[in-house]
Protein backbone atom coordinates (compact mmCIF):
# COMPACT_ATOMS: atom_id res chain seq x y z
CA UNK A 1 -13.75 49.48 21.66
CA UNK A 2 -17.02 47.74 20.83
CA UNK A 3 -17.45 44.02 20.33
CA UNK A 4 -18.37 44.65 16.67
CA UNK A 5 -15.16 46.60 16.07
CA UNK A 6 -13.09 43.90 17.75
CA UNK A 7 -14.68 41.22 15.58
CA UNK A 8 -14.08 43.30 12.46
CA UNK A 9 -10.41 43.76 13.36
CA UNK A 10 -10.09 40.04 13.96
CA UNK A 11 -11.54 39.25 10.55
CA UNK A 12 -9.28 41.79 8.87
CA UNK A 13 -6.24 40.32 10.60
CA UNK A 14 -7.26 36.82 9.52
CA UNK A 15 -7.63 37.90 5.89
CA UNK A 16 -4.27 39.69 5.84
CA UNK A 17 -2.23 37.15 7.78
CA UNK A 18 -3.70 33.84 6.64
CA UNK A 19 -6.38 33.85 3.98
CA UNK A 20 -4.75 35.99 1.29
CA UNK A 21 -1.23 34.46 1.60
CA UNK A 22 -2.72 30.98 1.68
CA UNK A 23 -4.79 31.53 -1.44
CA UNK A 24 -1.75 32.97 -3.21
CA UNK A 25 0.22 29.80 -2.39
CA UNK A 26 -2.59 27.61 -3.70
CA UNK A 27 -2.66 29.71 -6.87
CA UNK A 28 1.10 29.21 -7.25
CA UNK A 29 0.56 25.46 -6.99
CA UNK A 30 -2.05 25.62 -9.77
CA UNK A 31 0.33 27.79 -11.80
CA UNK A 32 3.03 25.10 -11.49
CA UNK A 33 0.48 22.56 -12.76
CA UNK A 34 -0.44 24.77 -15.72
CA UNK A 35 3.11 25.76 -16.67
CA UNK A 36 5.10 22.59 -15.99
CA UNK A 37 2.75 19.69 -15.29
CA UNK A 38 0.47 19.93 -18.29
CA UNK A 39 3.24 19.65 -20.89
CA UNK A 40 4.87 16.49 -19.54
CA UNK A 41 4.40 12.87 -20.60
CA UNK A 42 4.43 9.66 -18.53
CA UNK A 43 7.78 7.95 -18.52
CA UNK A 44 9.87 11.08 -19.06
CA UNK A 45 12.98 11.42 -16.94
CA UNK A 46 15.35 14.24 -16.02
CA UNK A 47 19.02 13.56 -15.36
CA UNK A 48 21.16 15.88 -13.25
CA UNK A 49 24.93 15.53 -13.30
CA UNK A 50 26.44 15.44 -9.81
CA UNK A 51 30.09 15.73 -10.85
CA UNK A 52 31.67 18.95 -12.08
CA UNK A 53 33.95 18.83 -15.11
CA UNK A 54 37.68 18.77 -14.42
CA UNK A 55 37.01 18.47 -10.68
CA UNK A 56 39.11 16.67 -8.08
CA UNK A 57 35.99 15.62 -6.15
CA UNK A 58 35.22 11.95 -5.64
CA UNK A 59 32.73 11.00 -8.39
CA UNK A 60 29.20 9.96 -7.45
CA UNK A 61 26.28 8.67 -9.59
CA UNK A 62 24.11 11.16 -11.44
CA UNK A 63 20.62 11.91 -10.13
CA UNK A 64 17.75 10.72 -12.35
CA UNK A 65 14.17 11.70 -11.46
CA UNK A 66 10.80 10.87 -13.04
CA UNK A 67 9.40 14.10 -14.46
CA UNK A 68 5.66 13.87 -13.89
CA UNK A 69 5.67 12.39 -10.35
CA UNK A 70 8.28 14.88 -9.15
CA UNK A 71 6.38 17.88 -10.53
CA UNK A 72 3.13 16.60 -9.00
CA UNK A 73 4.85 16.22 -5.63
CA UNK A 74 5.99 19.87 -5.85
CA UNK A 75 2.42 20.91 -6.71
CA UNK A 76 0.97 18.96 -3.78
CA UNK A 77 3.50 20.41 -1.36
CA UNK A 78 2.74 23.97 -2.51
CA UNK A 79 -1.04 23.50 -2.30
CA UNK A 80 -0.69 21.83 1.10
CA UNK A 81 1.35 24.76 2.42
CA UNK A 82 -1.30 27.15 1.13
CA UNK A 83 -4.10 25.19 2.80
CA UNK A 84 -2.09 24.97 6.02
CA UNK A 85 -1.55 28.74 5.92
CA UNK A 86 -5.31 29.31 5.61
CA UNK A 87 -6.21 26.81 8.32
CA UNK A 88 -3.50 27.33 10.92
CA UNK A 89 -1.13 30.05 9.80
CA UNK A 90 2.66 29.84 9.64
CA UNK A 91 4.69 32.10 11.89
CA UNK A 92 7.87 31.99 9.83
CA UNK A 93 6.85 33.72 6.60
CA UNK A 94 10.42 33.56 5.29
CA UNK A 95 10.49 29.77 5.69
CA UNK A 96 7.15 29.47 3.92
CA UNK A 97 8.26 31.60 0.98
CA UNK A 98 11.53 29.68 0.80
CA UNK A 99 9.75 26.31 0.61
CA UNK A 100 7.36 27.49 -2.10
CA UNK A 101 10.20 29.04 -4.10
CA UNK A 102 12.11 25.75 -3.79
CA UNK A 103 9.10 23.79 -5.10
CA UNK A 104 8.67 26.20 -8.03
CA UNK A 105 12.37 26.08 -8.98
CA UNK A 106 12.53 22.27 -8.72
CA UNK A 107 9.42 21.92 -10.88
CA UNK A 108 10.88 24.31 -13.44
CA UNK A 109 14.25 22.52 -13.60
CA UNK A 110 12.57 19.11 -13.90
CA UNK A 111 10.35 20.41 -16.71
CA UNK A 112 13.24 22.06 -18.53
CA UNK A 113 15.41 18.94 -18.28
CA UNK A 114 12.78 16.36 -19.31
CA UNK A 115 14.39 13.67 -21.46
CA UNK A 116 17.65 15.65 -21.24
CA UNK A 117 20.51 16.03 -18.80
CA UNK A 118 22.60 18.88 -17.47
CA UNK A 119 25.27 19.30 -14.86
CA UNK A 120 23.56 20.39 -11.63
CA UNK A 121 26.79 20.72 -9.63
CA UNK A 122 28.33 22.77 -12.41
CA UNK A 123 25.34 25.12 -12.33
CA UNK A 124 25.53 25.48 -8.54
CA UNK A 125 29.25 26.20 -8.75
CA UNK A 126 28.53 28.80 -11.43
CA UNK A 127 25.86 30.28 -9.16
CA UNK A 128 28.43 30.91 -6.42
CA UNK A 129 30.86 32.48 -8.88
CA UNK A 130 28.16 34.70 -10.40
CA UNK A 131 26.99 35.65 -6.91
CA UNK A 132 30.48 36.84 -5.92
CA UNK A 133 30.30 40.44 -7.22
CA UNK A 134 26.71 40.75 -5.97
CA UNK A 135 27.75 39.54 -2.50
CA UNK A 136 30.71 41.94 -2.40
CA UNK A 137 28.45 44.83 -3.43
CA UNK A 138 25.98 43.79 -0.73
CA UNK A 139 28.74 43.61 1.91
CA UNK A 140 29.87 47.10 0.91
CA UNK A 141 26.33 48.31 1.43
CA UNK A 142 26.00 46.51 4.76
CA UNK A 143 29.11 48.00 6.35
CA UNK A 144 28.33 51.50 5.04
CA UNK A 145 24.68 51.55 6.05
CA UNK A 146 25.37 49.97 9.44
CA UNK A 147 27.25 53.23 10.05
CA UNK A 148 24.25 55.16 8.64
CA UNK A 149 25.79 56.18 5.29
CA UNK A 150 23.82 55.21 2.20
CA UNK A 151 26.19 54.24 -0.59
CA UNK A 152 24.49 53.68 -3.93
CA UNK A 153 27.78 54.51 -5.66
CA UNK A 154 28.76 50.83 -5.52
CA UNK A 155 28.08 50.32 -9.22
CA UNK A 156 30.37 53.21 -10.18
CA UNK A 157 33.08 52.11 -7.74
CA UNK A 158 33.06 48.56 -9.11
CA UNK A 159 33.22 49.79 -12.69
CA UNK A 160 36.17 52.12 -12.07
CA UNK A 161 38.09 49.59 -9.98
CA UNK A 162 37.54 46.89 -12.61
CA UNK A 163 39.31 49.15 -15.07
CA UNK A 164 42.13 50.39 -12.84
CA UNK A 165 42.77 46.83 -11.65
CA UNK A 166 43.15 45.40 -15.14
CA UNK A 167 45.35 48.29 -16.32
CA UNK A 168 47.64 47.99 -13.29
CA UNK A 169 47.74 44.21 -13.59
CA UNK A 170 48.63 44.41 -17.29
CA UNK A 171 51.32 47.06 -16.87
CA UNK A 172 52.94 45.37 -13.86
CA UNK A 173 52.44 41.80 -15.15
CA UNK A 174 51.16 41.00 -11.66
CA UNK A 175 47.57 40.15 -10.78
CA UNK A 176 48.27 40.95 -7.15
CA UNK A 177 49.40 44.48 -8.01
CA UNK A 178 46.22 44.87 -10.03
CA UNK A 179 44.15 43.66 -7.07
CA UNK A 180 45.91 46.06 -4.71
CA UNK A 181 45.30 48.99 -7.08
CA UNK A 182 41.63 48.05 -7.34
CA UNK A 183 41.29 48.03 -3.54
CA UNK A 184 43.05 51.38 -3.17
CA UNK A 185 40.96 52.91 -5.94
CA UNK A 186 37.80 51.73 -4.22
CA UNK A 187 38.99 53.24 -0.95
CA UNK A 188 39.77 56.55 -2.68
CA UNK A 189 36.38 56.88 -4.37
CA UNK A 190 34.52 55.81 -1.23
CA UNK A 191 36.59 58.33 0.73
CA UNK A 192 35.42 61.06 -1.66
CA UNK A 193 31.83 59.97 -1.13
CA UNK A 194 32.39 59.97 2.64
CA UNK A 195 33.82 63.51 2.64
CA UNK A 196 30.92 64.81 0.55
CA UNK A 197 28.17 63.30 2.68
CA UNK A 198 29.75 63.42 6.15
CA UNK A 199 31.68 66.69 6.14
CA UNK A 200 29.75 68.74 3.60
CA UNK A 201 26.34 67.13 4.22
CA UNK A 202 25.69 66.53 0.51
CA UNK A 203 22.59 64.44 -0.10
CA UNK A 204 23.81 60.84 0.02
CA UNK A 205 21.71 59.68 -2.92
CA UNK A 206 22.85 62.61 -5.08
CA UNK A 207 26.50 61.91 -4.26
CA UNK A 208 26.11 58.22 -5.10
CA UNK A 209 24.35 58.92 -8.39
CA UNK A 210 27.04 61.44 -9.36
CA UNK A 211 29.78 58.85 -8.76
CA UNK A 212 27.87 56.27 -10.79
CA UNK A 213 27.50 58.67 -13.72
CA UNK A 214 31.15 59.69 -13.46
CA UNK A 215 32.23 56.04 -13.33
CA UNK A 216 30.28 55.09 -16.44
CA UNK A 217 31.57 58.13 -18.33
CA UNK A 218 35.25 58.02 -17.39
CA UNK A 219 35.62 54.26 -17.92
CA UNK A 220 33.91 54.44 -21.33
CA UNK A 221 36.20 57.32 -22.36
CA UNK A 222 39.38 55.56 -21.23
CA UNK A 223 38.27 52.30 -22.83
CA UNK A 224 37.51 53.83 -26.23
CA UNK A 225 40.46 56.26 -26.17
CA UNK A 226 43.22 54.00 -24.85
CA UNK A 227 42.31 50.38 -24.11
CA UNK A 228 40.79 49.42 -27.46
CA UNK A 229 43.93 50.57 -29.31
CA UNK A 230 46.40 49.01 -26.84
CA UNK A 231 44.77 45.75 -25.79
CA UNK A 232 47.95 43.78 -25.17
CA UNK A 233 49.70 46.64 -23.37
CA UNK A 234 46.83 47.91 -21.19
CA UNK A 235 43.92 45.48 -21.23
CA UNK A 236 45.18 41.93 -21.00
CA UNK A 237 45.96 41.09 -17.40
CA UNK A 238 44.96 37.45 -17.29
CA UNK A 239 42.95 35.98 -14.42
CA UNK A 240 43.60 34.38 -11.05
CA UNK A 241 43.82 30.59 -11.42
CA UNK A 242 41.47 28.15 -9.73
CA UNK A 243 43.02 26.96 -6.47
CA UNK A 244 41.67 23.62 -5.17
CA UNK A 245 41.85 23.37 -1.38
CA UNK A 246 43.51 20.07 -0.43
CA UNK A 247 41.17 17.38 0.92
CA UNK A 248 38.13 19.70 0.99
CA UNK A 249 38.03 19.89 -2.79
CA UNK A 250 37.56 16.10 -2.91
CA UNK A 251 34.21 16.23 -1.09
CA UNK A 252 31.45 15.25 -3.55
CA UNK A 253 29.13 18.14 -4.58
CA UNK A 254 30.41 20.59 -1.96
CA UNK A 255 34.03 20.35 -3.07
CA UNK A 256 33.54 21.68 -6.62
CA UNK A 257 31.14 24.38 -5.42
CA UNK A 258 33.02 25.88 -2.48
CA UNK A 259 36.60 24.61 -2.56
CA UNK A 260 37.64 24.88 -6.21
CA UNK A 261 37.58 28.59 -6.91
CA UNK A 262 39.91 31.50 -7.52
CA UNK A 263 41.26 33.98 -4.98
CA UNK A 264 38.46 36.54 -5.32
CA UNK A 265 35.75 33.99 -4.50
CA UNK A 266 37.67 32.76 -1.47
CA UNK A 267 38.18 36.33 -0.25
CA UNK A 268 34.45 36.97 -0.61
CA UNK A 269 33.57 33.95 1.54
CA UNK A 270 36.20 34.97 4.10
CA UNK A 271 34.81 38.52 4.20
CA UNK A 272 31.30 37.24 4.91
CA UNK A 273 32.55 35.30 7.94
CA UNK A 274 34.82 38.09 9.21
CA UNK A 275 32.18 40.80 8.82
CA UNK A 276 29.56 38.71 10.62
CA UNK A 277 31.92 38.24 13.56
CA UNK A 278 33.18 41.83 13.60
CA UNK A 279 29.75 43.45 13.36
CA UNK A 280 28.05 41.39 16.04
CA UNK A 281 30.77 40.09 18.35
CA UNK A 282 33.40 42.83 18.68
CA UNK A 283 33.53 46.32 20.26
CA UNK A 284 34.11 47.86 16.81
CA UNK A 285 30.94 46.26 15.51
CA UNK A 286 28.99 47.45 18.54
CA UNK A 287 30.20 51.00 17.97
CA UNK A 288 29.36 50.79 14.26
CA UNK A 289 25.83 49.62 14.98
CA UNK A 290 25.42 52.25 17.69
CA UNK A 291 26.45 54.98 15.24
CA UNK A 292 23.91 53.65 12.76
CA UNK A 293 21.06 53.35 15.22
CA UNK A 294 21.49 56.29 17.60
CA UNK A 295 24.52 58.51 16.82
CA UNK A 296 23.75 61.05 19.56
CA UNK A 297 23.76 58.36 22.23
CA UNK A 298 26.98 56.94 20.78
CA UNK A 299 28.57 60.40 20.83
CA UNK A 300 27.52 60.85 24.44
CA UNK A 301 29.37 57.64 25.31
CA UNK A 302 32.57 58.96 23.71
CA UNK A 303 32.35 57.24 20.33
CA UNK A 304 33.68 59.37 17.48
CA UNK A 305 30.70 59.24 15.12
CA UNK A 306 32.49 60.91 12.22
CA UNK A 307 35.51 58.63 12.44
CA UNK A 308 33.37 55.49 12.57
CA UNK A 309 31.47 56.58 9.49
CA UNK A 310 34.59 57.53 7.55
CA UNK A 311 36.35 54.25 8.29
CA UNK A 312 33.36 52.05 7.55
CA UNK A 313 32.57 53.77 4.25
CA UNK A 314 36.21 53.49 3.13
CA UNK A 315 36.34 49.81 4.11
CA UNK A 316 33.13 49.36 2.13
CA UNK A 317 34.82 51.02 -0.85
CA UNK A 318 37.67 48.52 -0.65
CA UNK A 319 35.17 45.65 -0.60
CA UNK A 320 33.48 47.13 -3.68
CA UNK A 321 36.97 47.43 -5.21
CA UNK A 322 37.39 43.69 -4.71
CA UNK A 323 34.04 43.25 -6.46
CA UNK A 324 35.32 45.34 -9.35
CA UNK A 325 38.48 43.26 -9.54
CA UNK A 326 36.32 40.15 -9.89
CA UNK A 327 35.02 41.29 -13.28
CA UNK A 328 38.48 41.62 -14.78
CA UNK A 329 41.18 39.90 -12.72
CA UNK A 330 38.86 37.18 -11.46
CA UNK A 331 36.77 36.50 -14.53
CA UNK A 332 37.76 37.52 -18.09
CA UNK A 333 41.13 39.29 -17.81
CA UNK A 334 40.06 42.37 -19.73
CA UNK A 335 37.82 45.41 -19.35
CA UNK A 336 34.64 45.91 -21.37
CA UNK A 337 32.42 48.98 -21.19
CA UNK A 338 29.63 48.81 -18.55
CA UNK A 339 30.69 45.25 -17.76
CA UNK A 340 29.28 45.40 -14.21
CA UNK A 341 25.78 45.28 -15.79
CA UNK A 342 23.94 46.55 -12.72
CA UNK A 343 25.48 44.08 -10.27
CA UNK A 344 26.09 46.93 -7.80
CA UNK A 345 22.40 47.76 -7.72
CA UNK A 346 21.45 44.07 -7.43
CA UNK A 347 23.86 43.93 -4.49
CA UNK A 348 21.86 46.67 -2.77
CA UNK A 349 18.71 44.57 -3.27
CA UNK A 350 20.53 41.59 -1.75
CA UNK A 351 21.53 43.79 1.20
CA UNK A 352 17.89 44.71 1.82
CA UNK A 353 16.75 41.12 1.32
CA UNK A 354 19.41 40.03 3.81
CA UNK A 355 18.26 42.66 6.34
CA UNK A 356 21.64 44.42 6.56
CA UNK A 357 23.27 41.23 7.84
CA UNK A 358 26.43 39.81 6.20
CA UNK A 359 25.21 36.20 6.18
CA UNK A 360 21.76 37.32 5.04
CA UNK A 361 23.27 39.42 2.26
CA UNK A 362 25.42 36.48 1.15
CA UNK A 363 22.53 34.00 1.01
CA UNK A 364 20.43 36.57 -0.83
CA UNK A 365 23.24 37.05 -3.33
CA UNK A 366 23.21 33.32 -3.97
CA UNK A 367 19.58 33.62 -5.06
CA UNK A 368 20.47 36.27 -7.62
CA UNK A 369 23.54 34.31 -8.72
CA UNK A 370 21.39 31.20 -9.10
CA UNK A 371 18.90 33.10 -11.27
CA UNK A 372 21.76 34.35 -13.43
CA UNK A 373 23.25 30.87 -13.77
CA UNK A 374 19.89 29.23 -14.52
CA UNK A 375 19.15 31.55 -17.42
CA UNK A 376 22.47 30.61 -19.03
CA UNK A 377 21.85 26.88 -18.54
CA UNK A 378 18.32 27.12 -19.92
CA UNK A 379 19.62 28.70 -23.12
CA UNK A 380 22.06 25.79 -23.47
CA UNK A 381 19.19 23.32 -23.03
CA UNK A 382 17.19 25.27 -25.66
CA UNK A 383 14.20 25.68 -23.36
CA UNK A 384 11.24 27.09 -25.35
CA UNK A 385 11.42 30.46 -23.63
CA UNK A 386 12.76 33.54 -25.47
CA UNK A 387 16.39 34.24 -24.62
CA UNK A 388 15.47 37.84 -23.83
CA UNK A 389 13.09 36.66 -21.11
CA UNK A 390 15.72 34.32 -19.69
CA UNK A 391 18.29 37.15 -19.70
CA UNK A 392 15.88 39.26 -17.67
CA UNK A 393 15.69 36.65 -14.89
CA UNK A 394 18.20 38.21 -12.43
CA UNK A 395 16.61 41.64 -12.81
CA UNK A 396 13.07 40.28 -12.49
CA UNK A 397 14.11 38.57 -9.26
CA UNK A 398 15.51 41.91 -8.06
CA UNK A 399 12.22 43.67 -8.79
CA UNK A 400 10.17 40.98 -7.07
CA UNK A 401 12.39 41.09 -3.98
CA UNK A 402 12.28 44.87 -3.72
CA UNK A 403 8.53 44.99 -4.34
CA UNK A 404 7.95 42.48 -1.57
CA UNK A 405 10.45 43.80 0.98
CA UNK A 406 10.60 47.59 0.71
CA UNK A 407 8.60 48.82 3.66
CA UNK A 408 9.05 45.54 5.56
CA UNK A 409 12.82 45.30 5.93
CA UNK A 410 13.88 47.84 8.55
CA UNK A 411 17.21 49.64 7.97
CA UNK A 412 19.36 51.12 10.77
CA UNK A 413 17.39 53.93 12.40
CA UNK A 414 19.79 56.74 11.41
CA UNK A 415 20.50 55.38 7.92
CA UNK A 416 20.97 58.23 5.45
CA UNK A 417 20.71 60.97 8.09
CA UNK A 418 23.66 63.41 8.42
CA UNK A 419 24.93 63.85 11.96
CA UNK A 420 25.26 67.29 13.50
CA UNK A 421 27.53 67.34 16.53
CA UNK A 422 25.97 69.39 19.33
C-alpha cells in the first residue's frame, strides 16, 4: 500500500469518524437556537412539578428554571460536544448521542413550559406506564431472537390476548383469570408460530405477518359482532389497582415513578431483571445464546436446538400476552379495535436499539414511552405545534432509531435461519 493511499484512507476515516458527526452536532446546537432560543424573552421561567398527584411520596419543592439561560446552556453544551468530536473524537458514540438528545429534550421542555408549569414527575411516571407494553413486546422479541427465531407476530399476539383477557376477566369477574387466559393465549399463538417456522420451515416473516393479519381481522370481527352489543357482559373487566410498595413509594420522585403502579407494570420490571440474569448468568441462557449464534455447535454439544427454540418462542408469546393484558386489564378495562396501535412493532425497534439485551430493550422502551407521554403533555400545554405532529412523535422516534441502527446493531448470527439437523 502506497503512502498516498494510506494518507487518503486516514483522511477518509477522519471525515467519517470525527468531522461529519461533529458538524452534525454543531448543526443540532444551532437548530436548538433557532427553534427554542429565538422565541424566548428575558425573565421567563419554567416550573416543573416534582410531586405526583395523589402520591404517598414525601413532598419536595417544585423546580423553577430561567428559560433563556437554560436553553443557552444546552446550546453551548451541544456545540462544545460537536467541536470536541471534531478535534479529539469521542469513543463512546452512544454516550455522545445520549447527551445531545438530553440537551435537545431539555431545551424543548423548557421552551414549551415558558411562563407555565407542568408536572414533571407525573410525566415521567406516565412514561414508564406507556413504555410497559413496548418493553414487554421488546422482551418477547429478545427471548425469541436469542434462540434465532424472528417473531414479528408480536403485534397480533398482543391484540388477540388483549381481547381474550378482557373477555375472560369479564365473564369470570376476576382480573387474575383474565391475566392467566391472556398468558395462555399468547403461548398458544406463539406455539403455532414456532411449529410453522421450526418444524415446517415456513418463512418466519411470512408466518409473523399472517398472524398479525389474522389477529387484526379476528379481533375486529369479534368486537363488532359480540363485544359492542354486550359491553357489560363481555367487555367490562375493570383494571388492576395501583399498589404502592410500602416505604419505597414514599421516596421523592422515584417513589411515584417506580413504586406506585399496577401489577402489570411491576411484572414487566421483574421480567427485565429475571431475563437479564437468566440469559447471561445461567446454563439455560448460555444454551439459548448458543442456539442463536451457532446451532450446529450447540447440537454437537448435546443441546436440543429444536426444544430450546420451541420453549423460548412460547415463553416469548406469554410475555407478549402480558403486554396484551396491559391494554385492557392494566389500562382501560375494555377492548377497542386495533388498540395496540403498533406498539408491537415499536417494541421490535426497541429490541434492536437495545441490541437484543433485556436491560437495553427496557431503557430503549423508556425512550419511546417518554416520546408518547411528551406528546400528550404538550397538547395539554397547548404548545403551538399541530396535534397531528405531536401524535406522530413515538413513530418518528421509531423511524429515526431504525434508520440510524439498522446495519449497525448486530443480531444473533443464526437469527431467522431454520436449522436442519444433520
